[in-house]
Amino acid sequence: MSAKTTVAALLISGALLPGVSLAQSENPHPYVGMWVTDDGHVRHELLANGRYDEARGNRESAYQGNYRVTGNHIDYVDDTGFTADGEFINDVLYHGGMVLRRKSNPIDE
């Protein structure tokens, strides 16, 4: 899919958070990817289009919504309107009392 098609789909779906520019969606921040608690129970996938998909235990896509990263801070708004935030410190995501670490790419292991 081309960048124009992706941007058009984002605009139609309303996936961009207020304040997120199209340039940001086309040039993702360095935190895009999978973030996982040490026990593997909570998994946040931060997508380059400003959406996230959170799994909990065996429940895939338990929460989904939009997010925005400003510096090392992340703001979440799930599809029901619930809001949350977190901080990235030394490549660790601190969110809602949880500690999530970047899941390494299996190719790199």
PDB file of N, CA and C in Angstrom:
ATOM      1  N   MET A   1       0.850  -1.174   0.000  1.00  0.00           N
ATOM      2  CA  MET A   1       0.000   0.000   0.000  1.00  0.00           C
ATOM      3  C   MET A   1       0.892   1.232   0.000  1.00  0.00           C
ATOM      4  N   SER A   2       0.548   2.206  -0.806  1.00  0.00           N
ATOM      5  CA  SER A   2       1.361   3.414  -0.897  1.00  0.00           C
ATOM      6  C   SER A   2       1.137   4.308   0.309  1.00  0.00           C
ATOM      7  N   ALA A   3       2.059   5.252   0.519  1.00  0.00           N
ATOM      8  CA  ALA A   3       1.926   6.207   1.629  1.00  0.00           C
ATOM      9  C   ALA A   3       0.654   7.020   1.473  1.00  0.00           C
ATOM     10  N   LYS A   4       0.307   7.402   0.228  1.00  0.00           N
ATOM     11  CA  LYS A   4      -0.912   8.178   0.004  1.00  0.00           C
ATOM     12  C   LYS A   4      -2.144   7.374   0.374  1.00  0.00           C
ATOM     13  N   THR A   5      -2.158   6.091  -0.004  1.00  0.00           N
ATOM     14  CA  THR A   5      -3.289   5.232   0.337  1.00  0.00           C
ATOM     15  C   THR A   5      -3.391   5.073   1.845  1.00  0.00           C
ATOM     16  N   THR A   6      -2.250   4.871   2.511  1.00  0.00           N
ATOM     17  CA  THR A   6      -2.241   4.726   3.964  1.00  0.00           C
ATOM     18  C   THR A   6      -2.757   5.987   4.636  1.00  0.00           C
ATOM     19  N   VAL A   7      -2.298   7.141   4.207  1.00  0.00           N
ATOM     20  CA  VAL A   7      -2.741   8.404   4.789  1.00  0.00           C
ATOM     21  C   VAL A   7      -4.230   8.596   4.546  1.00  0.00           C
ATOM     22  N   ALA A   8      -4.708   8.281   3.343  1.00  0.00           N
ATOM     23  CA  ALA A   8      -6.130   8.411   3.053  1.00  0.00           C
ATOM     24  C   ALA A   8      -6.947   7.501   3.960  1.00  0.00           C
ATOM     25  N   ALA A   9      -6.475   6.274   4.171  1.00  0.00           N
ATOM     26  CA  ALA A   9      -7.179   5.347   5.051  1.00  0.00           C
ATOM     27  C   ALA A   9      -7.206   5.878   6.482  1.00  0.00           C
ATOM     28  N   LEU A  10      -6.116   6.476   6.936  1.00  0.00           N
ATOM     29  CA  LEU A  10      -6.069   7.046   8.275  1.00  0.00           C
ATOM     30  C   LEU A  10      -7.066   8.188   8.406  1.00  0.00           C
ATOM     31  N   LEU A  11      -7.131   9.024   7.405  1.00  0.00           N
ATOM     32  CA  LEU A  11      -8.048  10.152   7.454  1.00  0.00           C
ATOM     33  C   LEU A  11      -9.497   9.673   7.468  1.00  0.00           C
ATOM     34  N   ILE A  12      -9.810   8.677   6.657  1.00  0.00           N
ATOM     35  CA  ILE A  12     -11.170   8.153   6.601  1.00  0.00           C
ATOM     36  C   ILE A  12     -11.538   7.485   7.912  1.00  0.00           C
ATOM     37  N   SER A  13     -10.615   6.722   8.496  1.00  0.00           N
ATOM     38  CA  SER A  13     -10.910   6.002   9.737  1.00  0.00           C
ATOM     39  C   SER A  13     -10.838   6.898  10.958  1.00  0.00           C
ATOM     40  N   GLY A  14     -10.280   8.100  10.821  1.00  0.00           N
ATOM     41  CA  GLY A  14     -10.128   8.988  11.973  1.00  0.00           C
ATOM     42  C   GLY A  14      -9.060   8.515  12.930  1.00  0.00           C
ATOM     43  N   ALA A  15      -8.089   7.755  12.424  1.00  0.00           N
ATOM     44  CA  ALA A  15      -7.094   7.132  13.282  1.00  0.00           C
ATOM     45  C   ALA A  15      -6.076   8.105  13.856  1.00  0.00           C
ATOM     46  N   LEU A  16      -5.929   9.283  13.285  1.00  0.00           N
ATOM     47  CA  LEU A  16      -4.936  10.221  13.807  1.00  0.00           C
ATOM     48  C   LEU A  16      -5.494  10.949  15.024  1.00  0.00           C
ATOM     49  N   LEU A  17      -4.696  11.077  16.042  1.00  0.00           N
ATOM     50  CA  LEU A  17      -5.078  11.863  17.215  1.00  0.00           C
ATOM     51  C   LEU A  17      -4.995  13.341  16.876  1.00  0.00           C
ATOM     52  N   PRO A  18      -5.783  14.162  17.557  1.00  0.00           N
ATOM     53  CA  PRO A  18      -5.603  15.605  17.362  1.00  0.00           C
ATOM     54  C   PRO A  18      -4.155  15.979  17.642  1.00  0.00           C
ATOM     55  N   GLY A  19      -3.567  16.783  16.789  1.00  0.00           N
ATOM     56  CA  GLY A  19      -2.194  17.217  16.989  1.00  0.00           C
ATOM     57  C   GLY A  19      -1.165  16.328  16.331  1.00  0.00           C
ATOM     58  N   VAL A  20      -1.584  15.177  15.769  1.00  0.00           N
ATOM     59  CA  VAL A  20      -0.646  14.306  15.067  1.00  0.00           C
ATOM     60  C   VAL A  20      -0.698  14.675  13.596  1.00  0.00           C
ATOM     61  N   SER A  21       0.437  15.061  13.068  1.00  0.00           N
ATOM     62  CA  SER A  21       0.470  15.491  11.671  1.00  0.00           C
ATOM     63  C   SER A  21       0.615  14.287  10.757  1.00  0.00           C
ATOM     64  N   LEU A  22       0.292  14.492   9.486  1.00  0.00           N
ATOM     65  CA  LEU A  22       0.468  13.431   8.505  1.00  0.00           C
ATOM     66  C   LEU A  22       1.935  13.061   8.393  1.00  0.00           C
ATOM     67  N   ALA A  23       2.829  14.042   8.524  1.00  0.00           N
ATOM     68  CA  ALA A  23       4.267  13.757   8.454  1.00  0.00           C
ATOM     69  C   ALA A  23       4.674  12.802   9.571  1.00  0.00           C
ATOM     70  N   GLN A  24       4.093  12.960  10.776  1.00  0.00           N
ATOM     71  CA  GLN A  24       4.420  12.058  11.873  1.00  0.00           C
ATOM     72  C   GLN A  24       3.976  10.642  11.552  1.00  0.00           C
ATOM     73  N   SER A  25       2.795  10.494  10.926  1.00  0.00           N
ATOM     74  CA  SER A  25       2.310   9.157  10.613  1.00  0.00           C
ATOM     75  C   SER A  25       3.167   8.488   9.540  1.00  0.00           C
ATOM     76  N   GLU A  26       3.775   9.284   8.653  1.00  0.00           N
ATOM     77  CA  GLU A  26       4.617   8.733   7.607  1.00  0.00           C
ATOM     78  C   GLU A  26       6.049   8.504   8.092  1.00  0.00           C
ATOM     79  N   ASN A  27       6.479   9.209   9.132  1.00  0.00           N
ATOM     80  CA  ASN A  27       7.821   9.080   9.688  1.00  0.00           C
ATOM     81  C   ASN A  27       7.688   8.720  11.164  1.00  0.00           C
ATOM     82  N   PRO A  28       7.502   7.438  11.468  1.00  0.00           N
ATOM     83  CA  PRO A  28       7.201   7.054  12.844  1.00  0.00           C
ATOM     84  C   PRO A  28       8.354   7.321  13.804  1.00  0.00           C
ATOM     85  N   HIS A  29       7.999   7.516  15.060  1.00  0.00           N
ATOM     86  CA  HIS A  29       8.973   7.713  16.133  1.00  0.00           C
ATOM     87  C   HIS A  29       9.701   6.396  16.405  1.00  0.00           C
ATOM     88  N   PRO A  30      10.748   6.408  17.193  1.00  0.00           N
ATOM     89  CA  PRO A  30      11.545   5.191  17.407  1.00  0.00           C
ATOM     90  C   PRO A  30      10.889   4.155  18.323  1.00  0.00           C
ATOM     91  N   TYR A  31       9.718   4.428  18.876  1.00  0.00           N
ATOM     92  CA  TYR A  31       9.083   3.491  19.802  1.00  0.00           C
ATOM     93  C   TYR A  31       8.079   2.559  19.138  1.00  0.00           C
ATOM     94  N   VAL A  32       7.910   2.666  17.826  1.00  0.00           N
ATOM     95  CA  VAL A  32       7.014   1.757  17.118  1.00  0.00           C
ATOM     96  C   VAL A  32       7.492   0.330  17.343  1.00  0.00           C
ATOM     97  N   GLY A  33       6.562  -0.579  17.588  1.00  0.00           N
ATOM     98  CA  GLY A  33       6.902  -1.983  17.776  1.00  0.00           C
ATOM     99  C   GLY A  33       6.150  -2.581  18.942  1.00  0.00           C
ATOM    100  N   MET A  34       6.582  -3.753  19.355  1.00  0.00           N
ATOM    101  CA  MET A  34       5.920  -4.518  20.422  1.00  0.00           C
ATOM    102  C   MET A  34       6.623  -4.279  21.752  1.00  0.00           C
ATOM    103  N   TRP A  35       5.815  -4.009  22.786  1.00  0.00           N
ATOM    104  CA  TRP A  35       6.294  -3.797  24.150  1.00  0.00           C
ATOM    105  C   TRP A  35       5.579  -4.799  25.045  1.00  0.00           C
ATOM    106  N   VAL A  36       6.333  -5.515  25.909  1.00  0.00           N
ATOM    107  CA  VAL A  36       5.798  -6.653  26.638  1.00  0.00           C
ATOM    108  C   VAL A  36       6.240  -6.606  28.098  1.00  0.00           C
ATOM    109  N   THR A  37       5.309  -6.968  29.014  1.00  0.00           N
ATOM    110  CA  THR A  37       5.698  -7.114  30.416  1.00  0.00           C
ATOM    111  C   THR A  37       6.601  -8.344  30.538  1.00  0.00           C
ATOM    112  N   ASP A  38       7.404  -8.403  31.602  1.00  0.00           N
ATOM    113  CA  ASP A  38       8.355  -9.503  31.770  1.00  0.00           C
ATOM    114  C   ASP A  38       7.674 -10.864  31.781  1.00  0.00           C
ATOM    115  N   ASP A  39       6.431 -10.931  32.297  1.00  0.00           N
ATOM    116  CA  ASP A  39       5.719 -12.210  32.329  1.00  0.00           C
ATOM    117  C   ASP A  39       4.969 -12.491  31.029  1.00  0.00           C
ATOM    118  N   GLY A  40       5.003 -11.543  30.081  1.00  0.00           N
ATOM    119  CA  GLY A  40       4.357 -11.723  28.796  1.00  0.00           C
ATOM    120  C   GLY A  40       2.848 -11.547  28.811  1.00  0.00           C
ATOM    121  N   HIS A  41       2.287 -11.202  29.962  1.00  0.00           N
ATOM    122  CA  HIS A  41       0.824 -11.093  30.087  1.00  0.00           C
ATOM    123  C   HIS A  41       0.259  -9.909  29.299  1.00  0.00           C
ATOM    124  N   VAL A  42       0.928  -8.752  29.358  1.00  0.00           N
ATOM    125  CA  VAL A  42       0.458  -7.552  28.660  1.00  0.00           C
ATOM    126  C   VAL A  42       1.398  -7.257  27.504  1.00  0.00           C
ATOM    127  N   ARG A  43       0.803  -7.050  26.331  1.00  0.00           N
ATOM    128  CA  ARG A  43       1.582  -6.790  25.127  1.00  0.00           C
ATOM    129  C   ARG A  43       0.973  -5.591  24.408  1.00  0.00           C
ATOM    130  N   HIS A  44       1.763  -4.536  24.253  1.00  0.00           N
ATOM    131  CA  HIS A  44       1.334  -3.326  23.527  1.00  0.00           C
ATOM    132  C   HIS A  44       2.039  -3.315  22.191  1.00  0.00           C
ATOM    133  N   GLU A  45       1.280  -3.294  21.119  1.00  0.00           N
ATOM    134  CA  GLU A  45       1.879  -3.102  19.806  1.00  0.00           C
ATOM    135  C   GLU A  45       1.586  -1.679  19.369  1.00  0.00           C
ATOM    136  N   LEU A  46       2.635  -0.881  19.266  1.00  0.00           N
ATOM    137  CA  LEU A  46       2.511   0.500  18.809  1.00  0.00           C
ATOM    138  C   LEU A  46       2.742   0.514  17.305  1.00  0.00           C
ATOM    139  N   LEU A  47       1.702   0.835  16.572  1.00  0.00           N
ATOM    140  CA  LEU A  47       1.760   0.823  15.118  1.00  0.00           C
ATOM    141  C   LEU A  47       2.213   2.174  14.590  1.00  0.00           C
ATOM    142  N   ALA A  48       2.832   2.189  13.448  1.00  0.00           N
ATOM    143  CA  ALA A  48       3.372   3.423  12.860  1.00  0.00           C
ATOM    144  C   ALA A  48       2.283   4.425  12.495  1.00  0.00           C
ATOM    145  N   ASN A  49       1.049   3.978  12.367  1.00  0.00           N
ATOM    146  CA  ASN A  49      -0.042   4.872  11.973  1.00  0.00           C
ATOM    147  C   ASN A  49      -0.703   5.586  13.152  1.00  0.00           C
ATOM    148  N   GLY A  50      -0.118   5.464  14.365  1.00  0.00           N
ATOM    149  CA  GLY A  50      -0.688   6.136  15.526  1.00  0.00           C
ATOM    150  C   GLY A  50      -1.752   5.324  16.242  1.00  0.00           C
ATOM    151  N   ARG A  51      -1.903   4.067  15.893  1.00  0.00           N
ATOM    152  CA  ARG A  51      -2.837   3.163  16.561  1.00  0.00           C
ATOM    153  C   ARG A  51      -2.049   2.199  17.435  1.00  0.00           C
ATOM    154  N   TYR A  52      -2.721   1.657  18.449  1.00  0.00           N
ATOM    155  CA  TYR A  52      -2.108   0.605  19.253  1.00  0.00           C
ATOM    156  C   TYR A  52      -3.090  -0.533  19.404  1.00  0.00           C
ATOM    157  N   ASP A  53      -2.552  -1.698  19.691  1.00  0.00           N
ATOM    158  CA  ASP A  53      -3.344  -2.897  19.930  1.00  0.00           C
ATOM    159  C   ASP A  53      -2.737  -3.571  21.150  1.00  0.00           C
ATOM    160  N   GLU A  54      -3.523  -3.691  22.210  1.00  0.00           N
ATOM    161  CA  GLU A  54      -3.028  -4.274  23.458  1.00  0.00           C
ATOM    162  C   GLU A  54      -3.685  -5.622  23.699  1.00  0.00           C
ATOM    163  N   ALA A  55      -2.852  -6.620  23.957  1.00  0.00           N
ATOM    164  CA  ALA A  55      -3.325  -7.951  24.315  1.00  0.00           C
ATOM    165  C   ALA A  55      -3.056  -8.171  25.793  1.00  0.00           C
ATOM    166  N   ARG A  56      -3.950  -8.928  26.425  1.00  0.00           N
ATOM    167  CA  ARG A  56      -3.783  -9.288  27.847  1.00  0.00           C
ATOM    168  C   ARG A  56      -4.034 -10.768  28.000  1.00  0.00           C
ATOM    169  N   GLY A  57      -3.007 -11.490  28.420  1.00  0.00           N
ATOM    170  CA  GLY A  57      -3.136 -12.937  28.556  1.00  0.00           C
ATOM    171  C   GLY A  57      -3.514 -13.557  27.228  1.00  0.00           C
ATOM    172  N   ASN A  58      -4.572 -14.384  27.240  1.00  0.00           N
ATOM    173  CA  ASN A  58      -5.051 -15.030  26.014  1.00  0.00           C
ATOM    174  C   ASN A  58      -5.992 -14.141  25.218  1.00  0.00           C
ATOM    175  N   ARG A  59      -6.288 -12.953  25.737  1.00  0.00           N
ATOM    176  CA  ARG A  59      -7.240 -12.058  25.076  1.00  0.00           C
ATOM    177  C   ARG A  59      -6.499 -11.120  24.114  1.00  0.00           C
ATOM    178  N   GLU A  60      -6.482 -11.489  22.843  1.00  0.00           N
ATOM    179  CA  GLU A  60      -5.869 -10.647  21.820  1.00  0.00           C
ATOM    180  C   GLU A  60      -6.753  -9.423  21.594  1.00  0.00           C
ATOM    181  N   SER A  61      -6.147  -8.299  21.252  1.00  0.00           N
ATOM    182  CA  SER A  61      -6.883  -7.050  20.973  1.00  0.00           C
ATOM    183  C   SER A  61      -7.860  -6.707  22.101  1.00  0.00           C
ATOM    184  N   ALA A  62      -7.384  -6.840  23.347  1.00  0.00           N
ATOM    185  CA  ALA A  62      -8.226  -6.499  24.505  1.00  0.00           C
ATOM    186  C   ALA A  62      -8.559  -5.014  24.510  1.00  0.00           C
ATOM    187  N   TYR A  63      -7.606  -4.204  24.101  1.00  0.00           N
ATOM    188  CA  TYR A  63      -7.798  -2.749  24.005  1.00  0.00           C
ATOM    189  C   TYR A  63      -7.148  -2.266  22.721  1.00  0.00           C
ATOM    190  N   GLN A  64      -7.819  -1.363  22.050  1.00  0.00           N
ATOM    191  CA  GLN A  64      -7.280  -0.756  20.840  1.00  0.00           C
ATOM    192  C   GLN A  64      -7.618   0.722  20.874  1.00  0.00           C
ATOM    193  N   GLY A  65      -6.796   1.521  20.223  1.00  0.00           N
ATOM    194  CA  GLY A  65      -7.070   2.946  20.166  1.00  0.00           C
ATOM    195  C   GLY A  65      -5.947   3.693  19.495  1.00  0.00           C
ATOM    196  N   ASN A  66      -5.914   4.977  19.765  1.00  0.00           N
ATOM    197  CA  ASN A  66      -4.906   5.873  19.206  1.00  0.00           C
ATOM    198  C   ASN A  66      -3.892   6.225  20.288  1.00  0.00           C
ATOM    199  N   TYR A  67      -2.717   6.582  19.854  1.00  0.00           N
ATOM    200  CA  TYR A  67      -1.704   7.075  20.790  1.00  0.00           C
ATOM    201  C   TYR A  67      -0.928   8.190  20.123  1.00  0.00           C
ATOM    202  N   ARG A  68      -0.281   8.976  20.970  1.00  0.00           N
ATOM    203  CA  ARG A  68       0.597  10.048  20.487  1.00  0.00           C
ATOM    204  C   ARG A  68       1.835  10.060  21.369  1.00  0.00           C
ATOM    205  N   VAL A  69       2.999  10.134  20.734  1.00  0.00           N
ATOM    206  CA  VAL A  69       4.272  10.224  21.453  1.00  0.00           C
ATOM    207  C   VAL A  69       4.797  11.638  21.309  1.00  0.00           C
ATOM    208  N   THR A  70       5.130  12.248  22.447  1.00  0.00           N
ATOM    209  CA  THR A  70       5.750  13.569  22.482  1.00  0.00           C
ATOM    210  C   THR A  70       7.029  13.417  23.292  1.00  0.00           C
ATOM    211  N   GLY A  71       8.166  13.469  22.606  1.00  0.00           N
ATOM    212  CA  GLY A  71       9.434  13.221  23.296  1.00  0.00           C
ATOM    213  C   GLY A  71       9.456  11.795  23.808  1.00  0.00           C
ATOM    214  N   ASN A  72       9.534  11.626  25.132  1.00  0.00           N
ATOM    215  CA  ASN A  72       9.527  10.297  25.755  1.00  0.00           C
ATOM    216  C   ASN A  72       8.200   9.978  26.421  1.00  0.00           C
ATOM    217  N   HIS A  73       7.191  10.818  26.189  1.00  0.00           N
ATOM    218  CA  HIS A  73       5.876  10.645  26.809  1.00  0.00           C
ATOM    219  C   HIS A  73       4.896  10.068  25.795  1.00  0.00           C
ATOM    220  N   ILE A  74       4.035   9.142  26.237  1.00  0.00           N
ATOM    221  CA  ILE A  74       3.009   8.581  25.372  1.00  0.00           C
ATOM    222  C   ILE A  74       1.641   8.802  26.000  1.00  0.00           C
ATOM    223  N   ASP A  75       0.695   9.239  25.193  1.00  0.00           N
ATOM    224  CA  ASP A  75      -0.701   9.398  25.598  1.00  0.00           C
ATOM    225  C   ASP A  75      -1.533   8.414  24.791  1.00  0.00           C
ATOM    226  N   TYR A  76      -2.398   7.676  25.484  1.00  0.00           N
ATOM    227  CA  TYR A  76      -3.282   6.712  24.849  1.00  0.00           C
ATOM    228  C   TYR A  76      -4.726   7.192  24.960  1.00  0.00           C
ATOM    229  N   VAL A  77      -5.519   6.948  23.925  1.00  0.00           N
ATOM    230  CA  VAL A  77      -6.972   7.120  23.974  1.00  0.00           C
ATOM    231  C   VAL A  77      -7.547   5.870  23.324  1.00  0.00           C
ATOM    232  N   ASP A  78      -8.188   5.001  24.151  1.00  0.00           N
ATOM    233  CA  ASP A  78      -8.718   3.786  23.540  1.00  0.00           C
ATOM    234  C   ASP A  78     -10.033   4.087  22.829  1.00  0.00           C
ATOM    235  N   ASP A  79     -10.515   3.116  22.083  1.00  0.00           N
ATOM    236  CA  ASP A  79     -11.681   3.336  21.239  1.00  0.00           C
ATOM    237  C   ASP A  79     -12.961   3.594  22.034  1.00  0.00           C
ATOM    238  N   THR A  80     -12.937   3.353  23.347  1.00  0.00           N
ATOM    239  CA  THR A  80     -14.104   3.663  24.188  1.00  0.00           C
ATOM    240  C   THR A  80     -14.000   5.053  24.802  1.00  0.00           C
ATOM    241  N   GLY A  81     -12.837   5.715  24.610  1.00  0.00           N
ATOM    242  CA  GLY A  81     -12.627   7.048  25.156  1.00  0.00           C
ATOM    243  C   GLY A  81     -11.783   7.076  26.418  1.00  0.00           C
ATOM    244  N   PHE A  82     -11.411   5.914  26.958  1.00  0.00           N
ATOM    245  CA  PHE A  82     -10.550   5.847  28.138  1.00  0.00           C
ATOM    246  C   PHE A  82      -9.171   6.383  27.793  1.00  0.00           C
ATOM    247  N   THR A  83      -8.581   7.160  28.693  1.00  0.00           N
ATOM    248  CA  THR A  83      -7.250   7.721  28.452  1.00  0.00           C
ATOM    249  C   THR A  83      -6.243   7.199  29.461  1.00  0.00           C
ATOM    250  N   ALA A  84      -5.003   7.142  29.041  1.00  0.00           N
ATOM    251  CA  ALA A  84      -3.892   6.725  29.897  1.00  0.00           C
ATOM    252  C   ALA A  84      -2.626   7.324  29.318  1.00  0.00           C
ATOM    253  N   ASP A  85      -1.536   7.214  30.072  1.00  0.00           N
ATOM    254  CA  ASP A  85      -0.265   7.710  29.562  1.00  0.00           C
ATOM    255  C   ASP A  85       0.874   6.891  30.111  1.00  0.00           C
ATOM    256  N   GLY A  86       2.075   7.204  29.660  1.00  0.00           N
ATOM    257  CA  GLY A  86       3.258   6.496  30.106  1.00  0.00           C
ATOM    258  C   GLY A  86       4.508   7.257  29.709  1.00  0.00           C
ATOM    259  N   GLU A  87       5.643   6.707  30.115  1.00  0.00           N
ATOM    260  CA  GLU A  87       6.944   7.317  29.820  1.00  0.00           C
ATOM    261  C   GLU A  87       7.911   6.236  29.349  1.00  0.00           C
ATOM    262  N   PHE A  88       8.720   6.586  28.377  1.00  0.00           N
ATOM    263  CA  PHE A  88       9.816   5.741  27.920  1.00  0.00           C
ATOM    264  C   PHE A  88      11.085   6.239  28.594  1.00  0.00           C
ATOM    265  N   ILE A  89      11.740   5.364  29.361  1.00  0.00           N
ATOM    266  CA  ILE A  89      12.991   5.709  30.034  1.00  0.00           C
ATOM    267  C   ILE A  89      13.975   4.572  29.784  1.00  0.00           C
ATOM    268  N   ASN A  90      15.105   4.884  29.153  1.00  0.00           N
ATOM    269  CA  ASN A  90      16.135   3.888  28.853  1.00  0.00           C
ATOM    270  C   ASN A  90      15.562   2.668  28.143  1.00  0.00           C
ATOM    271  N   ASP A  91      14.749   2.914  27.123  1.00  0.00           N
ATOM    272  CA  ASP A  91      14.145   1.870  26.299  1.00  0.00           C
ATOM    273  C   ASP A  91      13.240   0.925  27.090  1.00  0.00           C
ATOM    274  N   VAL A  92      12.608   1.457  28.139  1.00  0.00           N
ATOM    275  CA  VAL A  92      11.602   0.741  28.920  1.00  0.00           C
ATOM    276  C   VAL A  92      10.369   1.634  28.957  1.00  0.00           C
ATOM    277  N   LEU A  93       9.181   1.031  28.773  1.00  0.00           N
ATOM    278  CA  LEU A  93       7.925   1.771  28.824  1.00  0.00           C
ATOM    279  C   LEU A  93       7.289   1.558  30.189  1.00  0.00           C
ATOM    280  N   TYR A  94       7.079   2.657  30.909  1.00  0.00           N
ATOM    281  CA  TYR A  94       6.391   2.641  32.201  1.00  0.00           C
ATOM    282  C   TYR A  94       4.982   3.163  31.957  1.00  0.00           C
ATOM    283  N   HIS A  95       3.992   2.292  32.177  1.00  0.00           N
ATOM    284  CA  HIS A  95       2.609   2.633  31.847  1.00  0.00           C
ATOM    285  C   HIS A  95       1.656   1.960  32.836  1.00  0.00           C
ATOM    286  N   GLY A  96       0.847   2.761  33.510  1.00  0.00           N
ATOM    287  CA  GLY A  96      -0.192   2.219  34.388  1.00  0.00           C
ATOM    288  C   GLY A  96       0.324   1.270  35.454  1.00  0.00           C
ATOM    289  N   GLY A  97       1.488   1.570  36.023  1.00  0.00           N
ATOM    290  CA  GLY A  97       2.068   0.699  37.044  1.00  0.00           C
ATOM    291  C   GLY A  97       2.775  -0.519  36.472  1.00  0.00           C
ATOM    292  N   MET A  98       2.806  -0.619  35.160  1.00  0.00           N
ATOM    293  CA  MET A  98       3.469  -1.758  34.511  1.00  0.00           C
ATOM    294  C   MET A  98       4.810  -1.330  33.928  1.00  0.00           C
ATOM    295  N   VAL A  99       5.678  -2.303  33.761  1.00  0.00           N
ATOM    296  CA  VAL A  99       6.964  -2.111  33.101  1.00  0.00           C
ATOM    297  C   VAL A  99       6.954  -2.990  31.861  1.00  0.00           C
ATOM    298  N   LEU A 100       7.069  -2.351  30.706  1.00  0.00           N
ATOM    299  CA  LEU A 100       7.075  -3.093  29.443  1.00  0.00           C
ATOM    300  C   LEU A 100       8.409  -2.877  28.747  1.00  0.00           C
ATOM    301  N   ARG A 101       8.934  -3.950  28.220  1.00  0.00           N
ATOM    302  CA  ARG A 101      10.203  -3.884  27.510  1.00  0.00           C
ATOM    303  C   ARG A 101       9.979  -4.184  26.031  1.00  0.00           C
ATOM    304  N   ARG A 102      10.825  -3.590  25.213  1.00  0.00           N
ATOM    305  CA  ARG A 102      10.710  -3.811  23.773  1.00  0.00           C
ATOM    306  C   ARG A 102      10.983  -5.288  23.480  1.00  0.00           C
ATOM    307  N   LYS A 103      10.073  -5.888  22.719  1.00  0.00           N
ATOM    308  CA  LYS A 103      10.291  -7.268  22.309  1.00  0.00           C
ATOM    309  C   LYS A 103      11.263  -7.264  21.149  1.00  0.00           C
ATOM    310  N   SER A 104      12.321  -8.056  21.277  1.00  0.00           N
ATOM    311  CA  SER A 104      13.324  -8.074  20.222  1.00  0.00           C
ATOM    312  C   SER A 104      12.757  -8.799  19.002  1.00  0.00           C
ATOM    313  N   ASN A 105      13.278  -8.432  17.880  1.00  0.00           N
ATOM    314  CA  ASN A 105      12.897  -9.070  16.629  1.00  0.00           C
ATOM    315  C   ASN A 105      13.517 -10.461  16.603  1.00  0.00           C
ATOM    316  N   PRO A 106      12.721 -11.527  16.377  1.00  0.00           N
ATOM    317  CA  PRO A 106      13.278 -12.901  16.361  1.00  0.00           C
ATOM    318  C   PRO A 106      14.428 -13.051  15.366  1.00  0.00           C
ATOM    319  N   ILE A 107      14.438 -12.248  14.325  1.00  0.00           N
ATOM    320  CA  ILE A 107      15.517 -12.317  13.333  1.00  0.00           C
ATOM    321  C   ILE A 107      16.843 -11.890  13.953  1.00  0.00           C
ATOM    322  N   ASP A 108      16.759 -10.952  14.947  1.00  0.00           N
ATOM    323  CA  ASP A 108      17.966 -10.439  15.587  1.00  0.00           C
ATOM    324  C   ASP A 108      18.527 -11.400  16.630  1.00  0.00           C
ATOM    325  N   GLU A 109      17.754 -12.373  17.044  1.00  0.00           N
ATOM    326  CA  GLU A 109      18.188 -13.265  18.148  1.00  0.00           C
ATOM    327  C   GLU A 109      19.095 -14.364  17.666  1.00  0.00           C
TER     328      GLU A 109
END
